[in-house]
PDB file of N, CA and C in Angstrom:
ATOM      1  N   MET A   1       0.820 -15.902 -11.156  1.00  0.00           N
ATOM      2  CA  MET A   1       2.023 -16.057 -12.275  1.00  0.00           C
ATOM      3  C   MET A   1       2.753 -14.708 -11.733  1.00  0.00           C
ATOM      4  N   ALA A   2       2.200 -13.397 -12.158  1.00  0.00           N
ATOM      5  CA  ALA A   2       2.629 -12.063 -12.147  1.00  0.00           C
ATOM      6  C   ALA A   2       2.059 -11.040 -11.439  1.00  0.00           C
ATOM      7  N   CYS A   3       0.945 -11.464 -10.700  1.00  0.00           N
ATOM      8  CA  CYS A   3       0.180 -10.442 -10.165  1.00  0.00           C
ATOM      9  C   CYS A   3       0.827  -9.469  -9.184  1.00  0.00           C
ATOM     10  N   PHE A   4       1.920  -9.674  -8.383  1.00  0.00           N
ATOM     11  CA  PHE A   4       2.541  -9.210  -8.031  1.00  0.00           C
ATOM     12  C   PHE A   4       3.618  -8.055  -8.398  1.00  0.00           C
ATOM     13  N   ILE A   5       3.638  -7.886 -10.047  1.00  0.00           N
ATOM     14  CA  ILE A   5       4.244  -6.843 -10.183  1.00  0.00           C
ATOM     15  C   ILE A   5       3.520  -5.803  -9.981  1.00  0.00           C
ATOM     16  N   THR A   6       2.447  -5.529 -10.114  1.00  0.00           N
ATOM     17  CA  THR A   6       1.819  -4.324  -9.807  1.00  0.00           C
ATOM     18  C   THR A   6       1.652  -4.000  -8.908  1.00  0.00           C
ATOM     19  N   PRO A   7       1.448  -4.398  -7.392  1.00  0.00           N
ATOM     20  CA  PRO A   7       1.273  -3.405  -6.117  1.00  0.00           C
ATOM     21  C   PRO A   7       3.031  -3.468  -5.980  1.00  0.00           C
ATOM     22  N   LEU A   8       3.801  -4.205  -7.009  1.00  0.00           N
ATOM     23  CA  LEU A   8       5.202  -3.589  -6.274  1.00  0.00           C
ATOM     24  C   LEU A   8       6.029  -2.425  -6.934  1.00  0.00           C
ATOM     25  N   LEU A   9       5.451  -2.651  -8.556  1.00  0.00           N
ATOM     26  CA  LEU A   9       5.627  -1.284  -8.934  1.00  0.00           C
ATOM     27  C   LEU A   9       4.926  -0.347  -8.278  1.00  0.00           C
ATOM     28  N   ALA A  10       3.605   0.121  -8.013  1.00  0.00           N
ATOM     29  CA  ALA A  10       2.890   0.824  -7.442  1.00  0.00           C
ATOM     30  C   ALA A  10       3.289   1.444  -6.125  1.00  0.00           C
ATOM     31  N   GLY A  11       4.001   0.011  -5.455  1.00  0.00           N
ATOM     32  CA  GLY A  11       4.761   0.508  -3.720  1.00  0.00           C
ATOM     33  C   GLY A  11       5.921   1.313  -4.354  1.00  0.00           C
ATOM     34  N   LEU A  12       6.797   0.924  -5.284  1.00  0.00           N
ATOM     35  CA  LEU A  12       7.870   1.594  -5.834  1.00  0.00           C
ATOM     36  C   LEU A  12       7.393   3.029  -6.159  1.00  0.00           C
ATOM     37  N   VAL A  13       6.538   3.341  -6.718  1.00  0.00           N
ATOM     38  CA  VAL A  13       6.131   5.001  -7.156  1.00  0.00           C
ATOM     39  C   VAL A  13       5.570   5.490  -6.102  1.00  0.00           C
ATOM     40  N   VAL A  14       5.028   4.960  -5.139  1.00  0.00           N
ATOM     41  CA  VAL A  14       4.566   5.732  -3.715  1.00  0.00           C
ATOM     42  C   VAL A  14       5.557   6.003  -2.814  1.00  0.00           C
ATOM     43  N   GLY A  15       6.886   4.694  -2.865  1.00  0.00           N
ATOM     44  CA  GLY A  15       7.931   5.169  -1.831  1.00  0.00           C
ATOM     45  C   GLY A  15       8.773   6.498  -2.634  1.00  0.00           C
ATOM     46  N   LEU A  16       8.886   6.350  -4.019  1.00  0.00           N
ATOM     47  CA  LEU A  16       9.283   7.680  -4.656  1.00  0.00           C
ATOM     48  C   LEU A  16       8.754   8.958  -4.394  1.00  0.00           C
ATOM     49  N   LEU A  17       7.600   9.127  -4.543  1.00  0.00           N
ATOM     50  CA  LEU A  17       6.459  10.154  -4.037  1.00  0.00           C
ATOM     51  C   LEU A  17       6.868  10.359  -2.500  1.00  0.00           C
ATOM     52  N   ASN A  18       6.874   9.679  -1.873  1.00  0.00           N
ATOM     53  CA  ASN A  18       7.025   9.808  -0.369  1.00  0.00           C
ATOM     54  C   ASN A  18       8.490  10.140  -0.020  1.00  0.00           C
ATOM     55  N   ARG A  19       9.244  10.065  -0.762  1.00  0.00           N
ATOM     56  CA  ARG A  19      10.833  10.602  -0.623  1.00  0.00           C
ATOM     57  C   ARG A  19      10.959  11.776  -1.531  1.00  0.00           C
ATOM     58  N   VAL A  20      10.320  12.023  -2.415  1.00  0.00           N
ATOM     59  CA  VAL A  20      10.601  13.562  -2.926  1.00  0.00           C
ATOM     60  C   VAL A  20       9.420  14.634  -2.485  1.00  0.00           C
ATOM     61  N   ARG A  21       8.514  14.072  -2.046  1.00  0.00           N
ATOM     62  CA  ARG A  21       7.969  14.998  -0.989  1.00  0.00           C
ATOM     63  C   ARG A  21       7.902  15.653   0.007  1.00  0.00           C
ATOM     64  N   GLY A  22       8.637  14.458   0.545  1.00  0.00           N
ATOM     65  CA  GLY A  22       8.773  14.599   2.272  1.00  0.00           C
ATOM     66  C   GLY A  22       7.928  13.810   2.833  1.00  0.00           C
ATOM     67  N   SER A  23       8.513  13.009   4.004  1.00  0.00           N
ATOM     68  CA  SER A  23       7.689  12.573   4.458  1.00  0.00           C
ATOM     69  C   SER A  23       6.212  13.076   5.260  1.00  0.00           C
ATOM     70  N   SER A  24       5.031  12.804   4.597  1.00  0.00           N
ATOM     71  CA  SER A  24       4.132  13.923   4.626  1.00  0.00           C
ATOM     72  C   SER A  24       3.115  12.887   5.965  1.00  0.00           C
ATOM     73  N   SER A  25       2.895  13.386   7.093  1.00  0.00           N
ATOM     74  CA  SER A  25       2.238  12.339   8.052  1.00  0.00           C
ATOM     75  C   SER A  25       0.908  12.492   8.068  1.00  0.00           C
ATOM     76  N   ASP A  26       0.169  13.428   7.280  1.00  0.00           N
ATOM     77  CA  ASP A  26      -1.230  13.881   6.858  1.00  0.00           C
ATOM     78  C   ASP A  26      -1.572  12.998   6.073  1.00  0.00           C
ATOM     79  N   LEU A  27      -0.910  12.239   5.387  1.00  0.00           N
ATOM     80  CA  LEU A  27      -1.456  11.434   3.731  1.00  0.00           C
ATOM     81  C   LEU A  27      -0.922  10.163   4.443  1.00  0.00           C
ATOM     82  N   LYS A  28      -0.002   9.763   5.104  1.00  0.00           N
ATOM     83  CA  LYS A  28       0.316   8.529   5.395  1.00  0.00           C
ATOM     84  C   LYS A  28       0.559   7.582   4.265  1.00  0.00           C
ATOM     85  N   LEU A  29       1.633   7.887   3.626  1.00  0.00           N
ATOM     86  CA  LEU A  29       2.121   7.415   2.631  1.00  0.00           C
ATOM     87  C   LEU A  29       2.811   6.391   2.842  1.00  0.00           C
ATOM     88  N   ASN A  30       3.694   6.505   3.777  1.00  0.00           N
ATOM     89  CA  ASN A  30       4.646   5.313   4.212  1.00  0.00           C
ATOM     90  C   ASN A  30       3.778   4.400   4.836  1.00  0.00           C
ATOM     91  N   VAL A  31       2.397   4.316   5.174  1.00  0.00           N
ATOM     92  CA  VAL A  31       1.591   2.766   5.425  1.00  0.00           C
ATOM     93  C   VAL A  31       1.363   2.640   3.977  1.00  0.00           C
ATOM     94  N   LEU A  32       0.798   2.998   2.970  1.00  0.00           N
ATOM     95  CA  LEU A  32       0.319   2.543   1.792  1.00  0.00           C
ATOM     96  C   LEU A  32       1.960   1.943   1.215  1.00  0.00           C
ATOM     97  N   PHE A  33       2.671   2.535   1.342  1.00  0.00           N
ATOM     98  CA  PHE A  33       4.246   1.802   0.540  1.00  0.00           C
ATOM     99  C   PHE A  33       4.342   0.409   1.403  1.00  0.00           C
ATOM    100  N   TYR A  34       4.240   0.490   2.644  1.00  0.00           N
ATOM    101  CA  TYR A  34       4.445  -0.688   3.290  1.00  0.00           C
ATOM    102  C   TYR A  34       3.549  -2.039   3.050  1.00  0.00           C
ATOM    103  N   MET A  35       2.079  -1.515   2.898  1.00  0.00           N
ATOM    104  CA  MET A  35       0.879  -2.540   2.403  1.00  0.00           C
ATOM    105  C   MET A  35       1.410  -2.710   1.158  1.00  0.00           C
ATOM    106  N   LEU A  36       1.755  -1.611   0.418  1.00  0.00           N
ATOM    107  CA  LEU A  36       2.088  -2.533  -1.100  1.00  0.00           C
ATOM    108  C   LEU A  36       3.119  -3.382  -1.166  1.00  0.00           C
ATOM    109  N   LEU A  37       4.135  -2.968  -0.668  1.00  0.00           N
ATOM    110  CA  LEU A  37       5.523  -3.827  -0.841  1.00  0.00           C
ATOM    111  C   LEU A  37       5.186  -4.925   0.136  1.00  0.00           C
ATOM    112  N   GLY A  38       4.800  -4.982   1.144  1.00  0.00           N
ATOM    113  CA  GLY A  38       4.392  -6.115   1.732  1.00  0.00           C
ATOM    114  C   GLY A  38       3.616  -7.464   1.214  1.00  0.00           C
ATOM    115  N   GLY A  39       2.319  -6.839   0.622  1.00  0.00           N
ATOM    116  CA  GLY A  39       1.593  -7.984  -0.284  1.00  0.00           C
ATOM    117  C   GLY A  39       2.289  -8.392  -1.324  1.00  0.00           C
ATOM    118  N   ALA A  40       3.389  -7.533  -2.020  1.00  0.00           N
ATOM    119  CA  ALA A  40       3.829  -7.773  -3.302  1.00  0.00           C
ATOM    120  C   ALA A  40       4.837  -8.741  -2.734  1.00  0.00           C
ATOM    121  N   LEU A  41       5.522  -8.626  -1.809  1.00  0.00           N
ATOM    122  CA  LEU A  41       6.615  -9.389  -1.069  1.00  0.00           C
ATOM    123  C   LEU A  41       5.939 -10.852  -0.824  1.00  0.00           C
ATOM    124  N   VAL A  42       5.069 -11.044   0.116  1.00  0.00           N
ATOM    125  CA  VAL A  42       4.176 -12.252   0.290  1.00  0.00           C
ATOM    126  C   VAL A  42       3.777 -13.032  -0.776  1.00  0.00           C
ATOM    127  N   LEU A  43       3.357 -11.982  -1.804  1.00  0.00           N
ATOM    128  CA  LEU A  43       2.825 -12.343  -2.872  1.00  0.00           C
ATOM    129  C   LEU A  43       4.116 -13.481  -3.897  1.00  0.00           C
ATOM    130  N   ALA A  44       5.010 -12.685  -4.223  1.00  0.00           N
ATOM    131  CA  ALA A  44       6.163 -13.295  -4.748  1.00  0.00           C
ATOM    132  C   ALA A  44       6.870 -14.677  -3.992  1.00  0.00           C
ATOM    133  N   ALA A  45       6.802 -14.462  -2.786  1.00  0.00           N
ATOM    134  CA  ALA A  45       7.126 -15.225  -1.897  1.00  0.00           C
ATOM    135  C   ALA A  45       6.276 -16.867  -2.276  1.00  0.00           C
ATOM    136  N   GLU A  46       5.109 -16.356  -2.119  1.00  0.00           N
ATOM    137  CA  GLU A  46       4.238 -17.648  -2.593  1.00  0.00           C
ATOM    138  C   GLU A  46       4.268 -18.275  -3.969  1.00  0.00           C
ATOM    139  N   HIS A  47       4.655 -17.234  -4.722  1.00  0.00           N
ATOM    140  CA  HIS A  47       4.590 -18.162  -6.189  1.00  0.00           C
ATOM    141  C   HIS A  47       5.881 -18.672  -6.353  1.00  0.00           C
ATOM    142  N   ALA A  48       7.175 -17.994  -5.492  1.00  0.00           N
ATOM    143  CA  ALA A  48       8.461 -18.760  -5.858  1.00  0.00           C
ATOM    144  C   ALA A  48       8.057 -20.326  -4.968  1.00  0.00           C
ATOM    145  N   TRP A  49       7.577 -20.147  -4.184  1.00  0.00           N
ATOM    146  CA  TRP A  49       6.899 -21.376  -3.249  1.00  0.00           C
ATOM    147  C   TRP A  49       6.246 -22.643  -4.025  1.00  0.00           C
ATOM    148  N   HIS A  50       4.974 -21.978  -4.685  1.00  0.00           N
ATOM    149  CA  HIS A  50       4.562 -23.102  -5.646  1.00  0.00           C
ATOM    150  C   HIS A  50       5.104 -23.271  -6.931  1.00  0.00           C
ATOM    151  N   GLY A  51       6.438 -23.002  -7.497  1.00  0.00           N
ATOM    152  CA  GLY A  51       7.102 -23.150  -8.253  1.00  0.00           C
ATOM    153  C   GLY A  51       6.919 -22.407  -9.693  1.00  0.00           C
ATOM    154  N   GLU A  52       6.161 -21.483  -9.667  1.00  0.00           N
ATOM    155  CA  GLU A  52       5.544 -20.469 -10.601  1.00  0.00           C
ATOM    156  C   GLU A  52       6.936 -19.154 -10.688  1.00  0.00           C
ATOM    157  N   LEU A  53       7.406 -18.821  -9.750  1.00  0.00           N
ATOM    158  CA  LEU A  53       8.820 -17.757 -10.196  1.00  0.00           C
ATOM    159  C   LEU A  53       9.949 -18.627  -9.543  1.00  0.00           C
ATOM    160  N   VAL A  54      10.888 -18.625 -10.698  1.00  0.00           N
ATOM    161  CA  VAL A  54      12.315 -19.465 -10.359  1.00  0.00           C
ATOM    162  C   VAL A  54      13.649 -18.479 -10.534  1.00  0.00           C
ATOM    163  N   PRO A  55      14.731 -18.656 -10.344  1.00  0.00           N
ATOM    164  CA  PRO A  55      15.617 -17.647  -9.994  1.00  0.00           C
ATOM    165  C   PRO A  55      16.442 -17.521 -11.405  1.00  0.00           C
ATOM    166  N   TYR A  56      15.831 -18.336 -12.273  1.00  0.00           N
ATOM    167  CA  TYR A  56      16.760 -18.216 -13.510  1.00  0.00           C
ATOM    168  C   TYR A  56      15.750 -17.551 -14.882  1.00  0.00           C
ATOM    169  N   PRO A  57      16.496 -17.333 -15.893  1.00  0.00           N
ATOM    170  CA  PRO A  57      15.436 -16.349 -17.097  1.00  0.00           C
ATOM    171  C   PRO A  57      14.713 -17.844 -17.214  1.00  0.00           C
ATOM    172  N   PRO A  58      13.447 -17.432 -17.824  1.00  0.00           N
ATOM    173  CA  PRO A  58      12.514 -16.245 -17.750  1.00  0.00           C
ATOM    174  C   PRO A  58      11.664 -15.943 -16.083  1.00  0.00           C
ATOM    175  N   PHE A  59      12.441 -16.310 -15.751  1.00  0.00           N
ATOM    176  CA  PHE A  59      11.959 -16.177 -14.055  1.00  0.00           C
ATOM    177  C   PHE A  59      10.304 -16.343 -14.024  1.00  0.00           C
ATOM    178  N   LEU A  60       9.555 -16.365 -14.441  1.00  0.00           N
ATOM    179  CA  LEU A  60       8.460 -16.618 -14.656  1.00  0.00           C
ATOM    180  C   LEU A  60       8.127 -17.858 -15.364  1.00  0.00           C
ATOM    181  N   THR A  61       7.435 -19.304 -14.939  1.00  0.00           N
ATOM    182  CA  THR A  61       7.543 -20.630 -15.657  1.00  0.00           C
ATOM    183  C   THR A  61       6.327 -20.156 -16.249  1.00  0.00           C
ATOM    184  N   ALA A  62       5.447 -19.297 -16.350  1.00  0.00           N
ATOM    185  CA  ALA A  62       4.621 -18.816 -17.447  1.00  0.00           C
ATOM    186  C   ALA A  62       4.735 -18.508 -18.529  1.00  0.00           C
ATOM    187  N   MET A  63       6.030 -18.149 -18.675  1.00  0.00           N
ATOM    188  CA  MET A  63       6.665 -17.278 -20.232  1.00  0.00           C
ATOM    189  C   MET A  63       7.455 -18.240 -20.440  1.00  0.00           C
ATOM    190  N   GLN A  64       7.390 -19.275 -20.793  1.00  0.00           N
ATOM    191  CA  GLN A  64       8.385 -20.520 -21.358  1.00  0.00           C
ATOM    192  C   GLN A  64       8.172 -20.215 -22.805  1.00  0.00           C
ATOM    193  N   SER A  65       7.245 -19.642 -23.625  1.00  0.00           N
ATOM    194  CA  SER A  65       7.266 -19.044 -24.886  1.00  0.00           C
ATOM    195  C   SER A  65       6.757 -17.876 -25.008  1.00  0.00           C
ATOM    196  N   PRO A  66       7.232 -17.349 -26.052  1.00  0.00           N
ATOM    197  CA  PRO A  66       6.669 -15.934 -26.413  1.00  0.00           C
ATOM    198  C   PRO A  66       5.024 -15.534 -26.752  1.00  0.00           C
ATOM    199  N   GLU A  67       4.435 -16.900 -26.845  1.00  0.00           N
ATOM    200  CA  GLU A  67       2.833 -16.831 -26.953  1.00  0.00           C
ATOM    201  C   GLU A  67       2.313 -17.112 -25.932  1.00  0.00           C
ATOM    202  N   ASP A  68       3.050 -17.087 -24.849  1.00  0.00           N
ATOM    203  CA  ASP A  68       2.529 -16.503 -23.237  1.00  0.00           C
ATOM    204  C   ASP A  68       2.437 -15.486 -22.809  1.00  0.00           C
ATOM    205  N   LEU A  69       2.728 -14.396 -23.575  1.00  0.00           N
ATOM    206  CA  LEU A  69       2.864 -13.257 -23.390  1.00  0.00           C
ATOM    207  C   LEU A  69       1.272 -12.433 -23.103  1.00  0.00           C
ATOM    208  N   PRO A  70       0.806 -12.598 -23.645  1.00  0.00           N
ATOM    209  CA  PRO A  70      -0.431 -12.158 -23.137  1.00  0.00           C
ATOM    210  C   PRO A  70      -1.585 -12.304 -22.159  1.00  0.00           C
ATOM    211  N   VAL A  71      -1.059 -13.913 -21.886  1.00  0.00           N
ATOM    212  CA  VAL A  71      -1.487 -14.467 -20.645  1.00  0.00           C
ATOM    213  C   VAL A  71      -0.860 -13.676 -19.308  1.00  0.00           C
ATOM    214  N   VAL A  72       0.179 -13.383 -19.301  1.00  0.00           N
ATOM    215  CA  VAL A  72       1.037 -12.812 -18.426  1.00  0.00           C
ATOM    216  C   VAL A  72       0.319 -11.510 -18.317  1.00  0.00           C
ATOM    217  N   LEU A  73       0.697 -10.876 -19.337  1.00  0.00           N
ATOM    218  CA  LEU A  73      -0.191  -9.356 -19.279  1.00  0.00           C
ATOM    219  C   LEU A  73      -1.398  -9.445 -18.759  1.00  0.00           C
ATOM    220  N   ASN A  74      -2.336 -10.334 -19.334  1.00  0.00           N
ATOM    221  CA  ASN A  74      -3.756  -9.982 -18.566  1.00  0.00           C
ATOM    222  C   ASN A  74      -3.651 -10.374 -17.157  1.00  0.00           C
ATOM    223  N   GLU A  75      -2.805 -11.314 -16.764  1.00  0.00           N
ATOM    224  CA  GLU A  75      -2.718 -11.806 -15.182  1.00  0.00           C
ATOM    225  C   GLU A  75      -2.353 -10.403 -14.371  1.00  0.00           C
ATOM    226  N   ILE A  76      -1.496  -9.721 -14.991  1.00  0.00           N
ATOM    227  CA  ILE A  76      -0.750  -8.404 -14.742  1.00  0.00           C
ATOM    228  C   ILE A  76      -1.537  -7.477 -14.513  1.00  0.00           C
ATOM    229  N   GLY A  77      -2.324  -7.127 -15.456  1.00  0.00           N
ATOM    230  CA  GLY A  77      -3.331  -6.030 -15.689  1.00  0.00           C
ATOM    231  C   GLY A  77      -4.666  -6.085 -14.819  1.00  0.00           C
ATOM    232  N   VAL A  78      -5.097  -7.413 -14.903  1.00  0.00           N
ATOM    233  CA  VAL A  78      -6.447  -7.243 -14.547  1.00  0.00           C
ATOM    234  C   VAL A  78      -6.055  -7.981 -12.715  1.00  0.00           C
ATOM    235  N   VAL A  79      -5.731  -8.860 -12.510  1.00  0.00           N
ATOM    236  CA  VAL A  79      -5.608  -9.829 -11.299  1.00  0.00           C
ATOM    237  C   VAL A  79      -4.699  -8.620 -10.574  1.00  0.00           C
ATOM    238  N   GLY A  80      -3.205  -8.344 -10.842  1.00  0.00           N
ATOM    239  CA  GLY A  80      -2.431  -7.090 -10.157  1.00  0.00           C
ATOM    240  C   GLY A  80      -3.424  -5.904  -9.933  1.00  0.00           C
ATOM    241  N   SER A  81      -3.785  -5.043 -10.698  1.00  0.00           N
ATOM    242  CA  SER A  81      -4.545  -3.937 -10.858  1.00  0.00           C
ATOM    243  C   SER A  81      -5.713  -4.162  -9.843  1.00  0.00           C
ATOM    244  N   SER A  82      -6.485  -5.034  -9.846  1.00  0.00           N
ATOM    245  CA  SER A  82      -7.554  -4.904  -8.435  1.00  0.00           C
ATOM    246  C   SER A  82      -6.971  -5.266  -7.304  1.00  0.00           C
ATOM    247  N   MET A  83      -5.812  -6.048  -7.161  1.00  0.00           N
ATOM    248  CA  MET A  83      -5.017  -6.115  -5.676  1.00  0.00           C
ATOM    249  C   MET A  83      -4.854  -4.921  -5.403  1.00  0.00           C
ATOM    250  N   THR A  84      -4.111  -4.332  -6.227  1.00  0.00           N
ATOM    251  CA  THR A  84      -3.631  -2.636  -5.928  1.00  0.00           C
ATOM    252  C   THR A  84      -4.616  -2.120  -5.699  1.00  0.00           C
ATOM    253  N   LEU A  85      -5.543  -2.111  -6.271  1.00  0.00           N
ATOM    254  CA  LEU A  85      -7.061  -1.035  -6.067  1.00  0.00           C
ATOM    255  C   LEU A  85      -7.579  -1.187  -4.505  1.00  0.00           C
ATOM    256  N   ALA A  86      -7.133  -2.727  -4.446  1.00  0.00           N
ATOM    257  CA  ALA A  86      -8.211  -3.123  -3.420  1.00  0.00           C
ATOM    258  C   ALA A  86      -7.354  -2.828  -1.610  1.00  0.00           C
ATOM    259  N   VAL A  87      -5.930  -2.629  -2.102  1.00  0.00           N
ATOM    260  CA  VAL A  87      -4.996  -2.601  -1.083  1.00  0.00           C
ATOM    261  C   VAL A  87      -4.991  -0.881  -0.990  1.00  0.00           C
ATOM    262  N   THR A  88      -5.200   0.344  -2.083  1.00  0.00           N
ATOM    263  CA  THR A  88      -5.343   1.218  -1.652  1.00  0.00           C
ATOM    264  C   THR A  88      -6.856   1.913  -1.473  1.00  0.00           C
ATOM    265  N   THR A  89      -7.631   0.814  -1.597  1.00  0.00           N
ATOM    266  CA  THR A  89      -9.118   1.246  -0.884  1.00  0.00           C
ATOM    267  C   THR A  89      -9.002   1.023   0.310  1.00  0.00           C
ATOM    268  N   LEU A  90      -8.527   0.398   0.887  1.00  0.00           N
ATOM    269  CA  LEU A  90      -8.241  -0.133   2.511  1.00  0.00           C
ATOM    270  C   LEU A  90      -7.244   0.796   3.124  1.00  0.00           C
ATOM    271  N   TRP A  91      -6.706   1.033   2.156  1.00  0.00           N
ATOM    272  CA  TRP A  91      -5.287   2.254   2.728  1.00  0.00           C
ATOM    273  C   TRP A  91      -6.610   3.578   3.037  1.00  0.00           C
ATOM    274  N   LEU A  92      -7.240   4.004   1.912  1.00  0.00           N
ATOM    275  CA  LEU A  92      -7.975   5.079   2.128  1.00  0.00           C
ATOM    276  C   LEU A  92      -8.867   5.198   3.212  1.00  0.00           C
ATOM    277  N   GLY A  93      -9.604   3.913   3.513  1.00  0.00           N
ATOM    278  CA  GLY A  93     -10.398   3.554   4.397  1.00  0.00           C
ATOM    279  C   GLY A  93      -9.586   3.838   5.702  1.00  0.00           C
ATOM    280  N   ILE A  94      -8.355   3.325   6.599  1.00  0.00           N
ATOM    281  CA  ILE A  94      -7.381   3.637   7.336  1.00  0.00           C
ATOM    282  C   ILE A  94      -7.320   4.966   7.443  1.00  0.00           C
ATOM    283  N   LEU A  95      -7.326   5.707   6.793  1.00  0.00           N
ATOM    284  CA  LEU A  95      -6.892   6.982   6.414  1.00  0.00           C
ATOM    285  C   LEU A  95      -7.928   7.893   6.952  1.00  0.00           C
ATOM    286  N   GLY A  96      -8.823   7.514   6.211  1.00  0.00           N
ATOM    287  CA  GLY A  96     -10.470   8.451   7.262  1.00  0.00           C
ATOM    288  C   GLY A  96     -10.808   8.130   8.252  1.00  0.00           C
ATOM    289  N   ILE A  97     -10.606   6.620   8.605  1.00  0.00           N
ATOM    290  CA  ILE A  97     -11.096   6.428  10.074  1.00  0.00           C
ATOM    291  C   ILE A  97      -9.917   6.939  11.107  1.00  0.00           C
ATOM    292  N   SER A  98      -8.597   7.217  10.847  1.00  0.00           N
ATOM    293  CA  SER A  98      -7.427   7.911  11.799  1.00  0.00           C
ATOM    294  C   SER A  98      -8.235   9.255  11.993  1.00  0.00           C
ATOM    295  N   ARG A  99      -8.290  10.001  10.677  1.00  0.00           N
ATOM    296  CA  ARG A  99      -8.762  11.315  10.575  1.00  0.00           C
ATOM    297  C   ARG A  99      -9.991  11.699  11.659  1.00  0.00           C
ATOM    298  N   LYS A 100     -10.762  10.589  11.370  1.00  0.00           N
ATOM    299  CA  LYS A 100     -12.126  10.384  12.233  1.00  0.00           C
ATOM    300  C   LYS A 100     -11.560  10.599  13.877  1.00  0.00           C
ATOM    301  N   MET A 101     -10.854   9.769  14.066  1.00  0.00           N
ATOM    302  CA  MET A 101     -10.572   9.499  15.542  1.00  0.00           C
ATOM    303  C   MET A 101      -9.748  10.417  16.234  1.00  0.00           C
ATOM    304  N   LYS A 102      -9.198  11.035  15.248  1.00  0.00           N
ATOM    305  CA  LYS A 102      -8.264  12.409  15.900  1.00  0.00           C
ATOM    306  C   LYS A 102      -8.962  13.171  17.013  1.00  0.00           C
ATOM    307  N   THR A 103      -8.262  13.317  17.850  1.00  0.00           N
ATOM    308  CA  THR A 103      -9.288  13.431  18.967  1.00  0.00           C
ATOM    309  C   THR A 103      -8.867  15.432  19.133  1.00  0.00           C
ATOM    310  N   ARG A 104      -9.748  16.170  19.503  1.00  0.00           N
ATOM    311  CA  ARG A 104      -9.444  17.464  19.219  1.00  0.00           C
ATOM    312  C   ARG A 104      -9.097  18.131  20.880  1.00  0.00           C
ATOM    313  N   THR A 105      -8.196  19.141  20.483  1.00  0.00           N
ATOM    314  CA  THR A 105      -8.192  19.268  22.498  1.00  0.00           C
ATOM    315  C   THR A 105      -8.742  20.672  22.415  1.00  0.00           C
ATOM    316  N   ILE A 106      -9.295  20.605  23.507  1.00  0.00           N
ATOM    317  CA  ILE A 106     -10.148  22.247  23.644  1.00  0.00           C
ATOM    318  C   ILE A 106      -9.176  22.856  24.940  1.00  0.00           C
ATOM    319  N   PRO A 107      -8.637  23.851  24.657  1.00  0.00           N
ATOM    320  CA  PRO A 107      -7.944  24.849  25.535  1.00  0.00           C
ATOM    321  C   PRO A 107      -8.842  24.581  26.504  1.00  0.00           C
ATOM    322  N   PRO A 108      -8.239  24.614  27.771  1.00  0.00           N
ATOM    323  CA  PRO A 108      -8.677  24.865  29.068  1.00  0.00           C
ATOM    324  C   PRO A 108      -9.328  26.857  29.594  1.00  0.00           C
ATOM    325  N   THR A 109     -10.565  26.258  30.128  1.00  0.00           N
ATOM    326  CA  THR A 109     -11.035  27.422  30.405  1.00  0.00           C
ATOM    327  C   THR A 109     -11.021  27.661  32.277  1.00  0.00           C
ATOM    328  N   ARG A 110     -10.921  28.880  32.181  1.00  0.00           N
ATOM    329  CA  ARG A 110     -10.588  29.710  33.261  1.00  0.00           C
ATOM    330  C   ARG A 110     -12.019  30.431  33.577  1.00  0.00           C
ATOM    331  N   ILE A 111     -12.647  29.699  35.103  1.00  0.00           N
ATOM    332  CA  ILE A 111     -13.669  29.725  35.490  1.00  0.00           C
ATOM    333  C   ILE A 111     -13.605  31.254  36.640  1.00  0.00           C
ATOM    334  N   VAL A 112     -14.307  31.849  36.142  1.00  0.00           N
ATOM    335  CA  VAL A 112     -14.282  33.513  37.058  1.00  0.00           C
ATOM    336  C   VAL A 112     -15.348  33.617  37.949  1.00  0.00           C
ATOM    337  N   THR A 113     -15.448  33.578  39.133  1.00  0.00           N
ATOM    338  CA  THR A 113     -16.412  33.797  39.881  1.00  0.00           C
ATOM    339  C   THR A 113     -16.483  35.302  40.611  1.00  0.00           C
ATOM    340  N   THR A 114     -17.690  34.985  41.221  1.00  0.00           N
ATOM    341  CA  THR A 114     -17.575  36.751  42.232  1.00  0.00           C
ATOM    342  C   THR A 114     -17.566  36.285  44.074  1.00  0.00           C
ATOM    343  N   LEU A 115     -17.150  35.122  43.949  1.00  0.00           N
ATOM    344  CA  LEU A 115     -17.158  34.783  45.428  1.00  0.00           C
ATOM    345  C   LEU A 115     -15.547  34.800  45.415  1.00  0.00           C
ATOM    346  N   GLU A 116     -15.108  35.674  46.662  1.00  0.00           N
ATOM    347  CA  GLU A 116     -13.920  35.600  47.297  1.00  0.00           C
ATOM    348  C   GLU A 116     -13.787  34.752  48.398  1.00  0.00           C
ATOM    349  N   VAL A 117     -12.458  34.299  48.351  1.00  0.00           N
ATOM    350  CA  VAL A 117     -11.800  33.304  49.353  1.00  0.00           C
ATOM    351  C   VAL A 117     -11.390  34.259  50.300  1.00  0.00           C
ATOM    352  N   LYS A 118     -11.307  34.230  51.708  1.00  0.00           N
ATOM    353  CA  LYS A 118     -10.936  34.949  52.655  1.00  0.00           C
ATOM    354  C   LYS A 118     -10.023  34.291  53.312  1.00  0.00           C
TER     355      LYS A 118
END
């Protein structure tokens, strides 16, 4: 129903933080931004495909009456939050792996010998 709202909002917040803070290549916030927004857009497309999301108010077919609000809020809170947490955990794993894979450059050493070339 509305599970795509949580990763969409989290992606927008991460995008704003990335813009305010400046492009930080150390944290790779742009990767998290694209993962959250991409997942939210795919979920929105899937919901539209199945008829759960419509282009006219109230936009969600599950919100036909005000009594349905707790169901939608539960979906946003439980399903959306768990998906956002899963994507963020995956991003942290990617960040950790990329930091471990960084190669450290060792400056070349000059070998000094006592042999002379004539």
